[in-house]
């Protein structure tokens, strides 16, 4: 397995950890009657995410953001892997992506400004650099 695929697998596990970090407090705050419901707009006074505490809502947004970021990173890993373009540089970019995404979680949860945006940018740039490296 290439280093990039290893990091992709770890990023998938990170996604699962992020889900738990958000889901446990969300269920404690709102109760399972709400979180297991169909969440129909006519039954809820406002969207569920708006009913969460500030920190749990931030964890929800961090989780959603990782789903979005993981699409680009997965594309980068697939391009690097299928084009047999794995190098020390692309591996370093992959590890930088993962480190940035790990740091993004507490940065978002605790409102670290501007670090949340810095960590997002590092992950986004690392993914883009992997694609460019594969094209070259």
C-alpha atoms as a PDB file:
ATOM      1  CA  UNK A   1       0.000   0.000   0.000  1.00  0.00           C
ATOM      2  CA  UNK A   2       1.334   3.437  -0.881  1.00  0.00           C
ATOM      3  CA  UNK A   3       1.781   6.010   1.884  1.00  0.00           C
ATOM      4  CA  UNK A   4      -1.013   8.056   0.307  1.00  0.00           C
ATOM      5  CA  UNK A   5      -3.453   5.128   0.513  1.00  0.00           C
ATOM      6  CA  UNK A   6      -2.426   4.509   4.120  1.00  0.00           C
ATOM      7  CA  UNK A   7      -3.182   8.132   4.960  1.00  0.00           C
ATOM      8  CA  UNK A   8      -6.502   7.900   3.098  1.00  0.00           C
ATOM      9  CA  UNK A   9      -7.454   4.906   5.233  1.00  0.00           C
ATOM     10  CA  UNK A  10      -6.469   6.816   8.376  1.00  0.00           C
ATOM     11  CA  UNK A  11      -8.468   9.841   7.183  1.00  0.00           C
ATOM     12  CA  UNK A  12     -11.486   7.556   6.850  1.00  0.00           C
ATOM     13  CA  UNK A  13     -10.993   6.397  10.435  1.00  0.00           C
ATOM     14  CA  UNK A  14     -10.612  10.026  11.513  1.00  0.00           C
ATOM     15  CA  UNK A  15     -13.990  10.707   9.898  1.00  0.00           C
ATOM     16  CA  UNK A  16     -15.493   7.972  12.057  1.00  0.00           C
ATOM     17  CA  UNK A  17     -13.873   9.410  15.202  1.00  0.00           C
ATOM     18  CA  UNK A  18     -15.201  12.854  14.313  1.00  0.00           C
ATOM     19  CA  UNK A  19     -18.688  11.430  13.968  1.00  0.00           C
ATOM     20  CA  UNK A  20     -18.510   9.961  17.466  1.00  0.00           C
ATOM     21  CA  UNK A  21     -17.088  13.219  18.883  1.00  0.00           C
ATOM     22  CA  UNK A  22     -20.141  15.029  17.519  1.00  0.00           C
ATOM     23  CA  UNK A  23     -22.840  12.364  17.909  1.00  0.00           C
ATOM     24  CA  UNK A  24     -22.308  11.555  21.584  1.00  0.00           C
ATOM     25  CA  UNK A  25     -22.769  15.106  22.865  1.00  0.00           C
ATOM     26  CA  UNK A  26     -25.551  15.740  20.329  1.00  0.00           C
ATOM     27  CA  UNK A  27     -27.497  12.759  21.661  1.00  0.00           C
ATOM     28  CA  UNK A  28     -26.867  13.822  25.251  1.00  0.00           C
ATOM     29  CA  UNK A  29     -27.997  17.381  24.544  1.00  0.00           C
ATOM     30  CA  UNK A  30     -31.056  16.669  22.389  1.00  0.00           C
ATOM     31  CA  UNK A  31     -32.072  13.166  23.388  1.00  0.00           C
ATOM     32  CA  UNK A  32     -32.456  10.172  21.133  1.00  0.00           C
ATOM     33  CA  UNK A  33     -36.128  10.947  20.452  1.00  0.00           C
ATOM     34  CA  UNK A  34     -34.947  13.922  18.393  1.00  0.00           C
ATOM     35  CA  UNK A  35     -31.731  12.514  16.963  1.00  0.00           C
ATOM     36  CA  UNK A  36     -33.403   9.272  15.832  1.00  0.00           C
ATOM     37  CA  UNK A  37     -36.463  11.041  14.416  1.00  0.00           C
ATOM     38  CA  UNK A  38     -36.980  11.729  10.696  1.00  0.00           C
ATOM     39  CA  UNK A  39     -36.241  15.405  11.522  1.00  0.00           C
ATOM     40  CA  UNK A  40     -39.132  16.701   9.447  1.00  0.00           C
ATOM     41  CA  UNK A  41     -39.275  20.494   9.303  1.00  0.00           C
ATOM     42  CA  UNK A  42     -42.945  20.597  10.336  1.00  0.00           C
ATOM     43  CA  UNK A  43     -42.120  18.729  13.576  1.00  0.00           C
ATOM     44  CA  UNK A  44     -39.044  20.683  14.593  1.00  0.00           C
ATOM     45  CA  UNK A  45     -39.085  24.285  15.732  1.00  0.00           C
ATOM     46  CA  UNK A  46     -35.720  24.874  14.076  1.00  0.00           C
ATOM     47  CA  UNK A  47     -33.043  22.753  12.390  1.00  0.00           C
ATOM     48  CA  UNK A  48     -31.383  20.292  14.723  1.00  0.00           C
ATOM     49  CA  UNK A  49     -27.927  21.803  14.318  1.00  0.00           C
ATOM     50  CA  UNK A  50     -29.335  25.108  15.617  1.00  0.00           C
ATOM     51  CA  UNK A  51     -30.486  23.321  18.777  1.00  0.00           C
ATOM     52  CA  UNK A  52     -26.992  22.118  19.692  1.00  0.00           C
ATOM     53  CA  UNK A  53     -24.632  23.828  22.105  1.00  0.00           C
ATOM     54  CA  UNK A  54     -21.987  26.035  20.534  1.00  0.00           C
ATOM     55  CA  UNK A  55     -19.204  23.445  20.845  1.00  0.00           C
ATOM     56  CA  UNK A  56     -21.309  20.527  19.592  1.00  0.00           C
ATOM     57  CA  UNK A  57     -22.517  22.627  16.641  1.00  0.00           C
ATOM     58  CA  UNK A  58     -18.880  23.421  15.872  1.00  0.00           C
ATOM     59  CA  UNK A  59     -18.046  19.708  15.970  1.00  0.00           C
ATOM     60  CA  UNK A  60     -20.935  19.117  13.565  1.00  0.00           C
ATOM     61  CA  UNK A  61     -19.587  21.756  11.167  1.00  0.00           C
ATOM     62  CA  UNK A  62     -16.062  20.304  11.465  1.00  0.00           C
ATOM     63  CA  UNK A  63     -17.442  16.872  10.576  1.00  0.00           C
ATOM     64  CA  UNK A  64     -19.317  18.261   7.575  1.00  0.00           C
ATOM     65  CA  UNK A  65     -16.202  20.132   6.486  1.00  0.00           C
ATOM     66  CA  UNK A  66     -14.141  16.942   6.610  1.00  0.00           C
ATOM     67  CA  UNK A  67     -16.669  15.173   4.385  1.00  0.00           C
ATOM     68  CA  UNK A  68     -16.130  17.986   1.876  1.00  0.00           C
ATOM     69  CA  UNK A  69     -12.328  18.052   2.224  1.00  0.00           C
ATOM     70  CA  UNK A  70     -12.106  14.275   2.017  1.00  0.00           C
ATOM     71  CA  UNK A  71     -13.555  14.343  -1.506  1.00  0.00           C
ATOM     72  CA  UNK A  72     -10.637  16.404  -2.841  1.00  0.00           C
ATOM     73  CA  UNK A  73      -8.068  14.420  -0.844  1.00  0.00           C
ATOM     74  CA  UNK A  74      -9.505  11.116  -2.083  1.00  0.00           C
ATOM     75  CA  UNK A  75      -9.349  12.409  -5.649  1.00  0.00           C
ATOM     76  CA  UNK A  76      -5.696  13.381  -5.084  1.00  0.00           C
ATOM     77  CA  UNK A  77      -4.832   9.938  -3.682  1.00  0.00           C
ATOM     78  CA  UNK A  78      -6.583   8.160  -6.551  1.00  0.00           C
ATOM     79  CA  UNK A  79      -4.797  10.284  -9.159  1.00  0.00           C
ATOM     80  CA  UNK A  80      -1.402   9.764  -7.503  1.00  0.00           C
ATOM     81  CA  UNK A  81      -1.972   6.042  -7.018  1.00  0.00           C
ATOM     82  CA  UNK A  82      -3.426   5.201 -10.434  1.00  0.00           C
ATOM     83  CA  UNK A  83      -0.799   7.248 -12.258  1.00  0.00           C
ATOM     84  CA  UNK A  84       1.935   5.553 -10.228  1.00  0.00           C
ATOM     85  CA  UNK A  85       3.144   9.019  -9.207  1.00  0.00           C
ATOM     86  CA  UNK A  86       3.779   8.361  -5.519  1.00  0.00           C
ATOM     87  CA  UNK A  87       6.900  10.159  -4.329  1.00  0.00           C
ATOM     88  CA  UNK A  88       8.296  11.389  -1.059  1.00  0.00           C
ATOM     89  CA  UNK A  89       6.679  14.722  -1.852  1.00  0.00           C
ATOM     90  CA  UNK A  90       3.188  13.316  -2.392  1.00  0.00           C
ATOM     91  CA  UNK A  91       3.543  11.172   0.737  1.00  0.00           C
ATOM     92  CA  UNK A  92       4.566  14.256   2.739  1.00  0.00           C
ATOM     93  CA  UNK A  93       1.553  16.120   1.343  1.00  0.00           C
ATOM     94  CA  UNK A  94      -0.728  13.268   2.383  1.00  0.00           C
ATOM     95  CA  UNK A  95       0.657  13.259   5.928  1.00  0.00           C
ATOM     96  CA  UNK A  96       0.354  17.059   6.051  1.00  0.00           C
ATOM     97  CA  UNK A  97      -3.314  16.704   5.051  1.00  0.00           C
ATOM     98  CA  UNK A  98      -3.962  14.245   7.867  1.00  0.00           C
ATOM     99  CA  UNK A  99      -2.099  16.304  10.474  1.00  0.00           C
ATOM    100  CA  UNK A 100      -3.981  19.424   9.407  1.00  0.00           C
ATOM    101  CA  UNK A 101      -7.344  17.635   9.611  1.00  0.00           C
ATOM    102  CA  UNK A 102      -6.543  16.307  13.082  1.00  0.00           C
ATOM    103  CA  UNK A 103      -5.598  19.787  14.278  1.00  0.00           C
ATOM    104  CA  UNK A 104      -8.679  21.243  12.587  1.00  0.00           C
ATOM    105  CA  UNK A 105     -10.990  19.449  15.020  1.00  0.00           C
ATOM    106  CA  UNK A 106      -9.883  21.152  18.268  1.00  0.00           C
ATOM    107  CA  UNK A 107      -9.250  24.391  16.379  1.00  0.00           C
ATOM    108  CA  UNK A 108     -12.894  24.462  15.304  1.00  0.00           C
ATOM    109  CA  UNK A 109     -14.308  23.087  18.552  1.00  0.00           C
ATOM    110  CA  UNK A 110     -12.510  25.655  20.704  1.00  0.00           C
ATOM    111  CA  UNK A 111     -12.742  28.578  18.284  1.00  0.00           C
ATOM    112  CA  UNK A 112      -9.016  29.014  17.650  1.00  0.00           C
ATOM    113  CA  UNK A 113      -8.820  31.976  15.301  1.00  0.00           C
ATOM    114  CA  UNK A 114      -7.160  32.047  12.779  1.00  0.00           C
ATOM    115  CA  UNK A 115      -5.849  28.488  13.268  1.00  0.00           C
ATOM    116  CA  UNK A 116      -8.977  26.739  12.052  1.00  0.00           C
ATOM    117  CA  UNK A 117      -8.603  28.467   8.692  1.00  0.00           C
ATOM    118  CA  UNK A 118      -4.843  27.864   8.643  1.00  0.00           C
ATOM    119  CA  UNK A 119      -5.301  24.119   9.212  1.00  0.00           C
ATOM    120  CA  UNK A 120      -8.038  23.967   6.575  1.00  0.00           C
ATOM    121  CA  UNK A 121      -5.758  25.742   4.093  1.00  0.00           C
ATOM    122  CA  UNK A 122      -2.863  23.379   4.763  1.00  0.00           C
ATOM    123  CA  UNK A 123      -5.043  20.341   4.050  1.00  0.00           C
ATOM    124  CA  UNK A 124      -6.583  21.906   0.964  1.00  0.00           C
ATOM    125  CA  UNK A 125      -3.193  22.986  -0.398  1.00  0.00           C
ATOM    126  CA  UNK A 126      -1.657  19.567   0.312  1.00  0.00           C
ATOM    127  CA  UNK A 127      -4.420  17.897  -1.696  1.00  0.00           C
ATOM    128  CA  UNK A 128      -3.973  20.291  -4.591  1.00  0.00           C
ATOM    129  CA  UNK A 129      -0.200  19.866  -4.603  1.00  0.00           C
ATOM    130  CA  UNK A 130      -0.616  16.104  -4.818  1.00  0.00           C
ATOM    131  CA  UNK A 131      -2.730  16.498  -7.950  1.00  0.00           C
ATOM    132  CA  UNK A 132      -0.265  18.915  -9.526  1.00  0.00           C
ATOM    133  CA  UNK A 133       2.639  16.596  -8.684  1.00  0.00           C
ATOM    134  CA  UNK A 134       0.860  13.696 -10.400  1.00  0.00           C
ATOM    135  CA  UNK A 135       0.278  15.830 -13.510  1.00  0.00           C
ATOM    136  CA  UNK A 136       3.925  16.772 -13.713  1.00  0.00           C
END
